[in-house]
Protein backbone atom coordinates (compact mmCIF):
# COMPACT_ATOMS: atom_id res chain seq x y z
CA MET A 1 72.46 243.05 139.77
CA PRO A 2 73.71 239.49 139.39
CA LYS A 3 74.27 237.88 142.18
CA PHE A 4 77.22 235.51 143.06
CA TYR A 5 78.49 232.74 145.07
CA GLU A 6 82.11 231.11 146.14
CA HIS A 7 83.57 228.34 144.45
CA ILE A 8 86.62 226.72 146.41
CA ARG A 9 89.15 225.83 144.31
CA GLU A 10 91.59 222.47 143.90
CA ASP A 11 93.80 224.52 144.84
CA GLY A 12 92.40 226.19 147.33
CA THR A 13 91.55 229.77 146.25
CA VAL A 14 88.01 231.41 146.31
CA GLU A 15 86.44 231.72 143.04
CA TYR A 16 82.97 233.74 142.45
CA ARG A 17 81.37 233.75 140.80
CA ASN A 18 78.14 234.24 138.30
CA VAL A 19 74.82 231.61 139.90
CA ASP A 20 74.16 231.18 135.99
CA TYR A 21 78.05 229.95 135.66
CA ASP A 22 76.78 226.83 134.13
CA VAL A 23 74.38 227.92 131.65
CA LEU A 24 76.71 230.55 130.70
CA MET A 25 79.91 228.50 130.12
CA GLU A 26 78.25 226.21 127.58
CA GLU A 27 76.84 228.38 126.27
CA LEU A 28 80.30 229.92 125.54
CA SER A 29 80.89 226.61 124.90
CA ARG A 30 78.65 226.16 122.78
CA GLN A 31 79.46 229.48 120.50
CA THR A 32 83.33 228.14 120.65
CA SER A 33 82.36 225.05 118.63
CA ASN A 34 80.40 226.27 116.50
CA ASP A 35 82.40 229.18 115.07
CA GLU A 36 85.31 226.71 114.59
CA GLN A 37 82.94 224.78 112.05
CA ASN A 38 82.73 227.81 110.78
CA PHE A 39 86.29 228.45 110.34
CA ASP A 40 87.56 227.45 106.89
CA ILE A 41 91.41 227.26 107.23
CA PRO A 42 93.12 227.27 103.78
CA ALA A 43 95.22 225.04 102.53
CA PRO A 44 99.12 225.61 102.67
CA THR A 45 100.68 227.12 99.63
CA ASP A 46 103.77 226.05 98.06
CA GLU A 47 105.62 229.00 99.47
CA ASP A 48 104.30 228.64 102.75
CA ASN A 49 106.41 224.63 102.54
CA LEU A 50 109.22 226.16 101.00
CA ASN A 51 109.03 228.58 104.41
CA VAL A 52 108.16 226.84 106.28
CA VAL A 53 111.62 224.11 105.19
CA LEU A 54 113.54 227.19 104.87
CA HIS A 55 113.32 228.63 108.71
CA THR A 56 113.61 225.11 109.50
CA ARG A 57 116.91 224.77 107.67
CA LYS A 58 118.22 228.31 109.63
CA ARG A 59 117.80 227.02 112.94
CA ALA A 60 119.31 223.07 111.97
CA TYR A 61 122.34 224.81 110.33
CA PRO A 62 125.76 224.43 112.60
CA PRO A 63 126.71 228.38 114.03
CA ILE A 64 128.49 230.81 111.81
CA GLU A 65 130.97 231.71 113.70
CA ASP A 66 132.21 228.01 113.40
CA PHE A 67 132.41 228.47 109.63
CA VAL A 68 134.61 232.05 110.72
CA ASP A 69 136.92 230.79 113.39
CA ALA A 70 137.64 227.21 110.72
CA TRP A 71 137.93 230.31 108.03
CA VAL A 72 140.11 233.05 110.38
CA LYS A 73 142.53 229.98 111.01
CA GLN A 74 142.52 228.70 107.67
CA ASP A 75 141.52 224.75 109.40
CA GLU A 76 140.52 223.15 106.21
CA ALA A 77 139.56 220.27 108.13
CA ALA A 78 136.99 222.46 110.62
CA LEU A 79 135.67 223.79 107.00
CA GLU A 80 135.18 220.86 105.67
CA GLU A 81 133.38 219.33 108.70
CA TYR A 82 131.80 222.77 108.36
CA ARG A 83 130.00 221.85 104.66
CA GLN A 84 128.78 218.51 105.37
CA LYS A 85 127.48 219.49 108.32
CA CYS A 86 125.47 221.98 105.93
CA LEU A 87 125.20 219.67 103.85
CA ASP A 88 123.25 217.35 105.91
CA VAL A 89 120.76 219.58 107.04
CA LYS A 90 119.50 220.05 103.16
CA ALA A 91 119.39 216.55 103.00
CA THR A 92 117.09 216.51 106.08
CA TYR A 93 114.99 218.88 105.43
CA PRO A 94 114.67 219.14 101.18
CA LYS A 95 113.52 221.69 99.62
CA PRO A 96 109.34 220.96 98.15
CA GLU A 97 109.27 219.73 94.32
């Protein structure tokens, strides 16, 4: 049966650790670093890049409520302002070529 000891954390709470805690943590750290070295991350595809741009644009566009309000009121100045904000977003986040 493994033996445990009390370890007092910096915040004053007590943690019960296995007597081999340091050895186990070192082994876990070594396994994690080996796993990270063997893990190949694929390069982003054009579709991935496009999805990132589209998602970013979606979050940057002005609220649709602004458009609806201007359209219902037939406020040409507000509609033009909305269009300009949308064009600014498109210019800021262009689609990848």
